[in-house]
Amino acid sequence: MGPEPQLPFPVGYGVVAGAVDDPVAAATEAGRSWGAYLTDAPAPTERIGAEEGQRRLRAALEGIGFVTEAETPVEEPGDERAAGAAEDGAEGVAEDAEGNRRLRLHHCPFREVAQRRPDIICAVHLGLMRGTVDTLRAPLAAESLEPFVTPHLCVATLRRTDLPEQHA
């Protein structure tokens, strides 16, 4: 007997999206569970810093097929942090004054489907990032995912959660 027939991937997501009241919330929660599943939690006494958390998040995303790249913010006069170093001096991790970091995501493993249903697929990926950083207990929050900034690029915004709040 031959292989079991499978529904085409896009049809499967369409069926799932139509079966729940809030498909974006359901997709985000599914991604969160997926991220938690893919992530090795640190020992209870182990503290994961923001840079290590971002490194492990990038590894998780690369493990499912993305190519990731940390984005360097535009340097503003007098802003030493915009030059590519985080507050604690780690090189190669750039964040703005509010602790936001941007992560470029190239080569979406679900690009064809995401172009048809970015609301669902991108919500799964944002949830995956949230589940990963939650499981790591890293001082990061996956704030947003901006789909298709260019035809082959999405941009995620991560926020440091261990910085003091700026008061105007």
Foldseek 3Di string as FASTA:
>chain_A
DDDDDDDPPLVVLVVQCVPDPHLLVVLLQLLLVVLLVQADFDDPVDADEPVNLVVVLCVSLVVVPKHKAWDQDDDDPPFPQSVAAHPVGDGNFGDGPQQKTKMKTFGPVCLVSCVVPVSRPVSSNLSSSQNNCVRHVYQKHFDDKAPCPDSGIIMTMIGGNPDDDDDD
